[in-house]
Amino acid sequence: MTSPNTTTMNKQELSRILKTLAMRSLQGDDLDAFIDEAERCRWSAVQTVGNFALRELLERERRSLEWRLQDSKIMNKSFKPMADFDWGWPEKIDRPVIEGLLGADFVERGENVVLIGSHGLGKSMIAKNILHRAIHNGHTALFVEAAELLVDLGAQDSSRALERRIKHYAKPKVLCIDEVGYLSYDQRSADLLFQVVSRRYEKKSVIVTTNLAFNDWDTVFPGATSVVSLVDRLIHHSEITLIEGESYRKHQAEQRKAAGKNPRKKK
């Protein structure tokens, strides 16, 4: 490749070089505006290079955040911020503990979180918001339903393929396994989940949402000998918090039904 002559380089050539270097913060009109600002403000060489480097850094951080949010899957289904959470609805919830977890500081320490409660009390919503904060803190994250994870692992037709998928779930800095306990699984599923949790043990965080106390997990994985070891690894270095009350979704459905039966009279 012929070295460019910087004394005769025009904006088009500069733009091409920046694109080749994957520097996307200054392309097209943005490059024109940057050069105009540098000339108008009479920036020194150091100021020009420094301002360009800062713009590129901010752009790369923006793209990294965008990619991590997309890879986490928390936006695939409905995502509601904690500002929408009705703290007054659950009959029992330790708000200071939950708010502490929402800072996602535990992720740095590789600790776990277990949210226990019946359906419709916001466990998944809380877990997604924890992941959201962890991502903004610079971490990678993944949200997956227990059924999806176990079906995925169980469908692998070779040991090599299974190892690749286990590595996939072991890779994020924080992994949320949602809705453990709503379905029953066989012993192999328990062993597969145990492998994922073991790979992450004392290294990377796991968040589990479940409707069952750990004493009842033998009903989820009946006859599985690995359940005790699985639970042991989850609760070690873990914050376990209980949420009690009636389903908020059921409450909303009943409100909509009542509103439908008693519509406002038209004037």
C-alpha atoms as a PDB file:
ATOM      1  CA  MET A   1       0.000   0.000   0.000  1.00  0.00           C
ATOM      2  CA  THR A   2       1.360   3.403  -0.979  1.00  0.00           C
ATOM      3  CA  SER A   3       1.854   5.746   1.969  1.00  0.00           C
ATOM      4  CA  PRO A   4      -0.502   8.740   1.739  1.00  0.00           C
ATOM      5  CA  ASN A   5       0.973  12.182   1.213  1.00  0.00           C
ATOM      6  CA  THR A   6      -0.378  14.125   4.189  1.00  0.00           C
ATOM      7  CA  THR A   7       0.486  17.464   2.613  1.00  0.00           C
ATOM      8  CA  THR A   8      -2.017  16.898  -0.190  1.00  0.00           C
ATOM      9  CA  MET A   9      -4.551  14.672   1.617  1.00  0.00           C
ATOM     10  CA  ASN A  10      -8.163  15.750   1.180  1.00  0.00           C
ATOM     11  CA  LYS A  11     -11.190  14.967   3.340  1.00  0.00           C
ATOM     12  CA  GLN A  12     -12.248  12.029   1.185  1.00  0.00           C
ATOM     13  CA  GLU A  13      -8.869  10.344   1.568  1.00  0.00           C
ATOM     14  CA  LEU A  14      -8.856  11.018   5.312  1.00  0.00           C
ATOM     15  CA  SER A  15     -12.358   9.590   5.638  1.00  0.00           C
ATOM     16  CA  ARG A  16     -11.269   6.444   3.771  1.00  0.00           C
ATOM     17  CA  ILE A  17      -8.297   5.952   6.098  1.00  0.00           C
ATOM     18  CA  LEU A  18     -10.449   6.432   9.206  1.00  0.00           C
ATOM     19  CA  LYS A  19     -12.933   3.885   7.868  1.00  0.00           C
ATOM     20  CA  THR A  20     -10.120   1.400   7.190  1.00  0.00           C
ATOM     21  CA  LEU A  21      -8.977   1.835  10.800  1.00  0.00           C
ATOM     22  CA  ALA A  22     -12.588   1.242  11.982  1.00  0.00           C
ATOM     23  CA  MET A  23     -12.717   4.722  13.516  1.00  0.00           C
ATOM     24  CA  ARG A  24     -16.387   5.502  13.086  1.00  0.00           C
ATOM     25  CA  SER A  25     -16.776   8.587  15.241  1.00  0.00           C
ATOM     26  CA  LEU A  26     -15.731  10.899  12.406  1.00  0.00           C
ATOM     27  CA  GLN A  27     -17.339   9.956   9.124  1.00  0.00           C
ATOM     28  CA  GLY A  28     -19.142  12.058   6.539  1.00  0.00           C
ATOM     29  CA  ASP A  29     -20.680  15.224   7.931  1.00  0.00           C
ATOM     30  CA  ASP A  30     -19.211  14.542  11.383  1.00  0.00           C
ATOM     31  CA  LEU A  31     -15.698  14.730   9.947  1.00  0.00           C
ATOM     32  CA  ASP A  32     -16.488  17.987   8.159  1.00  0.00           C
ATOM     33  CA  ALA A  33     -17.923  19.500  11.345  1.00  0.00           C
ATOM     34  CA  PHE A  34     -14.926  18.361  13.396  1.00  0.00           C
ATOM     35  CA  ILE A  35     -12.405  19.867  10.967  1.00  0.00           C
ATOM     36  CA  ASP A  36     -14.396  23.107  10.807  1.00  0.00           C
ATOM     37  CA  GLU A  37     -14.475  23.315  14.608  1.00  0.00           C
ATOM     38  CA  ALA A  38     -10.730  22.624  14.865  1.00  0.00           C
ATOM     39  CA  GLU A  39      -9.971  25.402  12.379  1.00  0.00           C
ATOM     40  CA  ARG A  40     -12.438  27.838  13.940  1.00  0.00           C
ATOM     41  CA  CYS A  41     -11.160  27.287  17.466  1.00  0.00           C
ATOM     42  CA  ARG A  42      -7.545  27.162  16.311  1.00  0.00           C
ATOM     43  CA  TRP A  43      -6.834  23.936  18.157  1.00  0.00           C
ATOM     44  CA  SER A  44      -3.219  22.923  18.529  1.00  0.00           C
ATOM     45  CA  ALA A  45      -2.058  19.572  17.184  1.00  0.00           C
ATOM     46  CA  VAL A  46      -2.322  18.077  20.675  1.00  0.00           C
ATOM     47  CA  GLN A  47      -5.845  19.458  21.157  1.00  0.00           C
ATOM     48  CA  THR A  48      -6.962  18.163  17.768  1.00  0.00           C
ATOM     49  CA  VAL A  49      -5.611  14.667  18.345  1.00  0.00           C
ATOM     50  CA  GLY A  50      -6.916  14.668  21.926  1.00  0.00           C
ATOM     51  CA  ASN A  51     -10.433  15.720  20.932  1.00  0.00           C
ATOM     52  CA  PHE A  52     -10.489  13.129  18.170  1.00  0.00           C
ATOM     53  CA  ALA A  53      -9.304  10.384  20.547  1.00  0.00           C
ATOM     54  CA  LEU A  54     -11.975  11.343  23.087  1.00  0.00           C
ATOM     55  CA  ARG A  55     -14.736  11.275  20.468  1.00  0.00           C
ATOM     56  CA  GLU A  56     -13.595   7.852  19.264  1.00  0.00           C
ATOM     57  CA  LEU A  57     -13.411   6.522  22.826  1.00  0.00           C
ATOM     58  CA  LEU A  58     -16.958   7.700  23.610  1.00  0.00           C
ATOM     59  CA  GLU A  59     -18.263   6.216  20.354  1.00  0.00           C
ATOM     60  CA  ARG A  60     -16.653   2.852  21.086  1.00  0.00           C
ATOM     61  CA  GLU A  61     -18.076   2.860  24.612  1.00  0.00           C
ATOM     62  CA  ARG A  62     -21.526   3.621  23.166  1.00  0.00           C
ATOM     63  CA  ARG A  63     -21.293   0.753  20.682  1.00  0.00           C
ATOM     64  CA  SER A  64     -19.971  -1.609  23.354  1.00  0.00           C
ATOM     65  CA  LEU A  65     -22.927  -0.786  25.615  1.00  0.00           C
ATOM     66  CA  GLU A  66     -25.334  -1.288  22.711  1.00  0.00           C
ATOM     67  CA  TRP A  67     -23.828  -4.688  21.881  1.00  0.00           C
ATOM     68  CA  ARG A  68     -23.852  -5.849  25.495  1.00  0.00           C
ATOM     69  CA  LEU A  69     -27.485  -4.842  25.908  1.00  0.00           C
ATOM     70  CA  GLN A  70     -28.413  -6.716  22.741  1.00  0.00           C
ATOM     71  CA  ASP A  71     -26.441  -9.828  23.703  1.00  0.00           C
ATOM     72  CA  SER A  72     -27.986  -9.897  27.191  1.00  0.00           C
ATOM     73  CA  LYS A  73     -31.488 -10.651  25.785  1.00  0.00           C
ATOM     74  CA  ILE A  74     -33.139  -8.490  28.470  1.00  0.00           C
ATOM     75  CA  MET A  75     -34.747  -6.385  25.757  1.00  0.00           C
ATOM     76  CA  ASN A  76     -36.135  -9.361  23.794  1.00  0.00           C
ATOM     77  CA  LYS A  77     -39.306  -9.336  25.866  1.00  0.00           C
ATOM     78  CA  SER A  78     -40.915  -6.557  27.851  1.00  0.00           C
ATOM     79  CA  PHE A  79     -38.440  -4.573  29.915  1.00  0.00           C
ATOM     80  CA  LYS A  80     -39.785  -2.265  32.601  1.00  0.00           C
ATOM     81  CA  PRO A  81     -37.562   0.010  34.678  1.00  0.00           C
ATOM     82  CA  MET A  82     -37.721  -0.175  38.464  1.00  0.00           C
ATOM     83  CA  ALA A  83     -39.434   3.210  38.459  1.00  0.00           C
ATOM     84  CA  ASP A  84     -42.551   1.249  37.395  1.00  0.00           C
ATOM     85  CA  PHE A  85     -42.273  -1.264  40.244  1.00  0.00           C
ATOM     86  CA  ASP A  86     -45.055  -1.068  42.832  1.00  0.00           C
ATOM     87  CA  TRP A  87     -43.189  -1.528  46.111  1.00  0.00           C
ATOM     88  CA  GLY A  88     -46.439  -1.420  48.015  1.00  0.00           C
ATOM     89  CA  TRP A  89     -47.977  -4.466  46.348  1.00  0.00           C
ATOM     90  CA  PRO A  90     -45.964  -7.415  47.760  1.00  0.00           C
ATOM     91  CA  GLU A  91     -46.969  -8.336  51.282  1.00  0.00           C
ATOM     92  CA  LYS A  92     -43.314  -8.943  52.096  1.00  0.00           C
ATOM     93  CA  ILE A  93     -40.255  -7.553  50.311  1.00  0.00           C
ATOM     94  CA  ASP A  94     -36.959  -6.316  51.725  1.00  0.00           C
ATOM     95  CA  ARG A  95     -36.697  -3.078  49.784  1.00  0.00           C
ATOM     96  CA  PRO A  96     -33.248  -2.024  51.124  1.00  0.00           C
ATOM     97  CA  VAL A  97     -31.792  -5.398  50.112  1.00  0.00           C
ATOM     98  CA  ILE A  98     -33.361  -5.257  46.644  1.00  0.00           C
ATOM     99  CA  GLU A  99     -32.191  -1.674  46.103  1.00  0.00           C
ATOM    100  CA  GLY A 100     -28.698  -2.717  47.144  1.00  0.00           C
ATOM    101  CA  LEU A 101     -28.744  -5.553  44.635  1.00  0.00           C
ATOM    102  CA  LEU A 102     -29.908  -3.171  41.913  1.00  0.00           C
ATOM    103  CA  GLY A 103     -26.517  -1.476  42.138  1.00  0.00           C
ATOM    104  CA  ALA A 104     -25.011  -4.772  40.872  1.00  0.00           C
ATOM    105  CA  ASP A 105     -21.889  -4.353  43.024  1.00  0.00           C
ATOM    106  CA  PHE A 106     -21.998  -8.064  43.893  1.00  0.00           C
ATOM    107  CA  VAL A 107     -21.085  -8.878  40.289  1.00  0.00           C
ATOM    108  CA  GLU A 108     -17.550  -7.595  40.880  1.00  0.00           C
ATOM    109  CA  ARG A 109     -17.191 -10.166  43.677  1.00  0.00           C
ATOM    110  CA  GLY A 110     -18.659 -13.065  41.692  1.00  0.00           C
ATOM    111  CA  GLU A 111     -21.474 -13.544  44.206  1.00  0.00           C
ATOM    112  CA  ASN A 112     -24.936 -14.950  43.488  1.00  0.00           C
ATOM    113  CA  VAL A 113     -28.500 -13.738  43.981  1.00  0.00           C
ATOM    114  CA  VAL A 114     -31.597 -15.878  44.495  1.00  0.00           C
ATOM    115  CA  LEU A 115     -35.052 -14.294  44.293  1.00  0.00           C
ATOM    116  CA  ILE A 116     -37.774 -16.551  45.712  1.00  0.00           C
ATOM    117  CA  GLY A 117     -41.483 -15.872  45.341  1.00  0.00           C
ATOM    118  CA  SER A 118     -44.662 -16.965  43.616  1.00  0.00           C
ATOM    119  CA  HIS A 119     -45.444 -15.870  40.076  1.00  0.00           C
ATOM    120  CA  GLY A 120     -46.439 -12.301  39.262  1.00  0.00           C
ATOM    121  CA  LEU A 121     -44.473 -10.544  42.013  1.00  0.00           C
ATOM    122  CA  GLY A 122     -41.805  -8.954  39.831  1.00  0.00           C
ATOM    123  CA  LYS A 123     -38.859 -11.332  40.283  1.00  0.00           C
ATOM    124  CA  SER A 124     -37.992 -11.291  36.584  1.00  0.00           C
ATOM    125  CA  MET A 125     -38.417  -7.522  36.436  1.00  0.00           C
ATOM    126  CA  ILE A 126     -35.993  -7.075  39.329  1.00  0.00           C
ATOM    127  CA  ALA A 127     -33.505  -9.529  37.805  1.00  0.00           C
ATOM    128  CA  LYS A 128     -33.565  -7.749  34.444  1.00  0.00           C
ATOM    129  CA  ASN A 129     -32.954  -4.402  36.115  1.00  0.00           C
ATOM    130  CA  ILE A 130     -29.981  -5.846  37.985  1.00  0.00           C
ATOM    131  CA  LEU A 131     -28.589  -7.068  34.667  1.00  0.00           C
ATOM    132  CA  HIS A 132     -29.280  -3.685  33.105  1.00  0.00           C
ATOM    133  CA  ARG A 133     -27.217  -1.950  35.793  1.00  0.00           C
ATOM    134  CA  ALA A 134     -24.433  -4.544  35.517  1.00  0.00           C
ATOM    135  CA  ILE A 135     -24.233  -3.875  31.773  1.00  0.00           C
ATOM    136  CA  HIS A 136     -24.019  -0.132  32.369  1.00  0.00           C
ATOM    137  CA  ASN A 137     -21.265  -0.884  34.884  1.00  0.00           C
ATOM    138  CA  GLY A 138     -19.278  -2.416  32.033  1.00  0.00           C
ATOM    139  CA  HIS A 139     -20.093  -6.115  32.488  1.00  0.00           C
ATOM    140  CA  THR A 140     -21.411  -8.708  30.063  1.00  0.00           C
ATOM    141  CA  ALA A 141     -24.715 -10.355  30.987  1.00  0.00           C
ATOM    142  CA  LEU A 142     -27.242 -12.913  29.772  1.00  0.00           C
ATOM    143  CA  PHE A 143     -30.887 -13.454  30.701  1.00  0.00           C
ATOM    144  CA  VAL A 144     -32.336 -16.880  29.900  1.00  0.00           C
ATOM    145  CA  GLU A 145     -35.339 -18.856  31.085  1.00  0.00           C
ATOM    146  CA  ALA A 146     -34.500 -22.157  32.761  1.00  0.00           C
ATOM    147  CA  ALA A 147     -36.569 -24.115  30.230  1.00  0.00           C
ATOM    148  CA  GLU A 148     -34.797 -22.471  27.285  1.00  0.00           C
ATOM    149  CA  LEU A 149     -31.358 -23.124  28.763  1.00  0.00           C
ATOM    150  CA  LEU A 150     -32.049 -26.795  29.510  1.00  0.00           C
ATOM    151  CA  VAL A 151     -33.703 -27.481  26.157  1.00  0.00           C
ATOM    152  CA  ASP A 152     -30.715 -25.871  24.434  1.00  0.00           C
ATOM    153  CA  LEU A 153     -28.171 -27.948  26.353  1.00  0.00           C
ATOM    154  CA  GLY A 154     -30.191 -31.131  26.050  1.00  0.00           C
ATOM    155  CA  ALA A 155     -30.475 -30.767  22.269  1.00  0.00           C
ATOM    156  CA  GLN A 156     -26.716 -30.900  21.657  1.00  0.00           C
ATOM    157  CA  ASP A 157     -25.863 -34.074  19.754  1.00  0.00           C
ATOM    158  CA  SER A 158     -22.181 -34.403  20.635  1.00  0.00           C
ATOM    159  CA  SER A 159     -19.885 -33.786  23.586  1.00  0.00           C
ATOM    160  CA  ARG A 160     -18.061 -31.113  21.612  1.00  0.00           C
ATOM    161  CA  ALA A 161     -21.284 -29.263  20.784  1.00  0.00           C
ATOM    162  CA  LEU A 162     -22.403 -29.512  24.419  1.00  0.00           C
ATOM    163  CA  GLU A 163     -19.088 -28.117  25.609  1.00  0.00           C
ATOM    164  CA  ARG A 164     -19.489 -25.112  23.289  1.00  0.00           C
ATOM    165  CA  ARG A 165     -22.944 -24.340  24.712  1.00  0.00           C
ATOM    166  CA  ILE A 166     -21.802 -24.744  28.306  1.00  0.00           C
ATOM    167  CA  LYS A 167     -18.974 -22.289  27.558  1.00  0.00           C
ATOM    168  CA  HIS A 168     -21.586 -19.930  26.092  1.00  0.00           C
ATOM    169  CA  TYR A 169     -23.473 -19.857  29.394  1.00  0.00           C
ATOM    170  CA  ALA A 170     -20.275 -19.749  31.431  1.00  0.00           C
ATOM    171  CA  LYS A 171     -18.891 -16.730  29.582  1.00  0.00           C
ATOM    172  CA  PRO A 172     -20.993 -13.695  30.704  1.00  0.00           C
ATOM    173  CA  LYS A 173     -19.931 -11.943  33.869  1.00  0.00           C
ATOM    174  CA  VAL A 174     -23.469 -12.360  35.219  1.00  0.00           C
ATOM    175  CA  LEU A 175     -26.021 -14.986  34.140  1.00  0.00           C
ATOM    176  CA  CYS A 176     -29.696 -14.882  35.109  1.00  0.00           C
ATOM    177  CA  ILE A 177     -31.567 -18.199  35.023  1.00  0.00           C
ATOM    178  CA  ASP A 178     -35.227 -17.271  35.208  1.00  0.00           C
ATOM    179  CA  GLU A 179     -38.213 -19.305  36.402  1.00  0.00           C
ATOM    180  CA  VAL A 180     -36.582 -22.357  37.935  1.00  0.00           C
ATOM    181  CA  GLY A 181     -39.342 -24.458  39.463  1.00  0.00           C
ATOM    182  CA  TYR A 182     -42.236 -23.885  37.088  1.00  0.00           C
ATOM    183  CA  LEU A 183     -41.550 -27.108  35.171  1.00  0.00           C
ATOM    184  CA  SER A 184     -40.104 -30.492  36.097  1.00  0.00           C
ATOM    185  CA  TYR A 185     -36.991 -31.942  34.467  1.00  0.00           C
ATOM    186  CA  ASP A 186     -35.142 -35.241  34.375  1.00  0.00           C
ATOM    187  CA  GLN A 187     -31.847 -36.120  36.020  1.00  0.00           C
ATOM    188  CA  ARG A 188     -29.786 -35.222  32.940  1.00  0.00           C
ATOM    189  CA  SER A 189     -31.212 -31.688  32.993  1.00  0.00           C
ATOM    190  CA  ALA A 190     -30.152 -31.342  36.619  1.00  0.00           C
ATOM    191  CA  ASP A 191     -26.662 -32.514  35.704  1.00  0.00           C
ATOM    192  CA  LEU A 192     -26.472 -30.017  32.827  1.00  0.00           C
ATOM    193  CA  LEU A 193     -27.560 -27.127  35.046  1.00  0.00           C
ATOM    194  CA  PHE A 194     -25.033 -28.264  37.632  1.00  0.00           C
ATOM    195  CA  GLN A 195     -22.268 -28.085  35.005  1.00  0.00           C
ATOM    196  CA  VAL A 196     -23.176 -24.490  34.118  1.00  0.00           C
ATOM    197  CA  VAL A 197     -23.311 -23.389  37.757  1.00  0.00           C
ATOM    198  CA  SER A 198     -20.069 -25.225  38.563  1.00  0.00           C
ATOM    199  CA  ARG A 199     -18.220 -23.491  35.707  1.00  0.00           C
ATOM    200  CA  ARG A 200     -19.240 -20.159  37.164  1.00  0.00           C
ATOM    201  CA  TYR A 201     -18.777 -21.058  40.839  1.00  0.00           C
ATOM    202  CA  GLU A 202     -16.840 -18.397  42.808  1.00  0.00           C
ATOM    203  CA  LYS A 203     -15.820 -16.723  39.530  1.00  0.00           C
ATOM    204  CA  LYS A 204     -18.897 -15.191  37.939  1.00  0.00           C
ATOM    205  CA  SER A 205     -22.315 -14.298  39.296  1.00  0.00           C
ATOM    206  CA  VAL A 206     -25.532 -16.242  38.854  1.00  0.00           C
ATOM    207  CA  ILE A 207     -28.995 -14.806  39.463  1.00  0.00           C
ATOM    208  CA  VAL A 208     -31.800 -17.334  39.905  1.00  0.00           C
ATOM    209  CA  THR A 209     -35.504 -16.570  40.139  1.00  0.00           C
ATOM    210  CA  THR A 210     -37.652 -19.377  41.492  1.00  0.00           C
ATOM    211  CA  ASN A 211     -41.080 -19.972  42.952  1.00  0.00           C
ATOM    212  CA  LEU A 212     -39.828 -22.749  45.236  1.00  0.00           C
ATOM    213  CA  ALA A 213     -37.723 -22.941  48.368  1.00  0.00           C
ATOM    214  CA  PHE A 214     -34.560 -24.978  47.886  1.00  0.00           C
ATOM    215  CA  ASN A 215     -36.006 -27.771  50.009  1.00  0.00           C
ATOM    216  CA  ASP A 216     -38.571 -28.303  47.245  1.00  0.00           C
ATOM    217  CA  TRP A 217     -36.127 -28.443  44.335  1.00  0.00           C
ATOM    218  CA  ASP A 218     -36.270 -32.239  44.412  1.00  0.00           C
ATOM    219  CA  THR A 219     -39.737 -31.839  42.880  1.00  0.00           C
ATOM    220  CA  VAL A 220     -38.193 -29.919  39.968  1.00  0.00           C
ATOM    221  CA  PHE A 221     -35.455 -32.504  39.407  1.00  0.00           C
ATOM    222  CA  PRO A 222     -36.965 -35.702  40.883  1.00  0.00           C
ATOM    223  CA  GLY A 223     -34.373 -38.347  41.648  1.00  0.00           C
ATOM    224  CA  ALA A 224     -31.426 -36.209  40.551  1.00  0.00           C
ATOM    225  CA  THR A 225     -28.397 -36.802  42.758  1.00  0.00           C
ATOM    226  CA  SER A 226     -26.719 -33.538  41.715  1.00  0.00           C
ATOM    227  CA  VAL A 227     -29.451 -31.299  43.178  1.00  0.00           C
ATOM    228  CA  VAL A 228     -27.799 -31.036  46.604  1.00  0.00           C
ATOM    229  CA  SER A 229     -24.466 -30.022  45.071  1.00  0.00           C
ATOM    230  CA  LEU A 230     -26.228 -27.630  42.686  1.00  0.00           C
ATOM    231  CA  VAL A 231     -28.038 -25.860  45.514  1.00  0.00           C
ATOM    232  CA  ASP A 232     -24.877 -25.809  47.623  1.00  0.00           C
ATOM    233  CA  ARG A 233     -22.972 -23.895  44.930  1.00  0.00           C
ATOM    234  CA  LEU A 234     -25.840 -21.478  44.342  1.00  0.00           C
ATOM    235  CA  ILE A 235     -26.335 -20.475  47.972  1.00  0.00           C
ATOM    236  CA  HIS A 236     -22.613 -20.175  48.789  1.00  0.00           C
ATOM    237  CA  HIS A 237     -21.658 -16.473  48.615  1.00  0.00           C
ATOM    238  CA  SER A 238     -25.274 -15.668  47.793  1.00  0.00           C
ATOM    239  CA  GLU A 239     -27.914 -13.098  48.730  1.00  0.00           C
ATOM    240  CA  ILE A 240     -31.218 -14.943  49.085  1.00  0.00           C
ATOM    241  CA  THR A 241     -34.316 -12.801  49.359  1.00  0.00           C
ATOM    242  CA  LEU A 242     -37.966 -13.752  49.662  1.00  0.00           C
ATOM    243  CA  ILE A 243     -40.889 -11.889  48.078  1.00  0.00           C
ATOM    244  CA  GLU A 244     -44.388 -12.771  49.266  1.00  0.00           C
ATOM    245  CA  GLY A 245     -47.852 -11.744  48.154  1.00  0.00           C
ATOM    246  CA  GLU A 246     -50.446 -12.234  45.457  1.00  0.00           C
ATOM    247  CA  SER A 247     -49.737 -11.983  41.749  1.00  0.00           C
ATOM    248  CA  TYR A 248     -49.689  -8.384  40.532  1.00  0.00           C
ATOM    249  CA  ARG A 249     -50.501  -9.558  36.999  1.00  0.00           C
ATOM    250  CA  LYS A 250     -53.588 -11.314  38.337  1.00  0.00           C
ATOM    251  CA  HIS A 251     -54.519  -8.101  40.158  1.00  0.00           C
ATOM    252  CA  GLN A 252     -54.189  -6.085  36.936  1.00  0.00           C
ATOM    253  CA  ALA A 253     -56.244  -8.645  35.000  1.00  0.00           C
ATOM    254  CA  GLU A 254     -59.015  -8.443  37.592  1.00  0.00           C
ATOM    255  CA  GLN A 255     -58.961  -4.644  37.385  1.00  0.00           C
ATOM    256  CA  ARG A 256     -59.303  -4.750  33.593  1.00  0.00           C
ATOM    257  CA  LYS A 257     -62.131  -7.257  33.873  1.00  0.00           C
ATOM    258  CA  ALA A 258     -63.951  -5.074  36.395  1.00  0.00           C
ATOM    259  CA  ALA A 259     -63.466  -2.005  34.200  1.00  0.00           C
ATOM    260  CA  GLY A 260     -64.933  -3.912  31.250  1.00  0.00           C
ATOM    261  CA  LYS A 261     -68.024  -4.836  33.208  1.00  0.00           C
ATOM    262  CA  ASN A 262     -68.541  -1.281  34.425  1.00  0.00           C
ATOM    263  CA  PRO A 263     -67.666   1.037  31.541  1.00  0.00           C
ATOM    264  CA  ARG A 264     -68.217   4.735  32.005  1.00  0.00           C
ATOM    265  CA  LYS A 265     -71.481   5.949  30.592  1.00  0.00           C
ATOM    266  CA  LYS A 266     -71.207   8.084  27.508  1.00  0.00           C
ATOM    267  CA  LYS A 267     -72.426  11.641  27.873  1.00  0.00           C
END
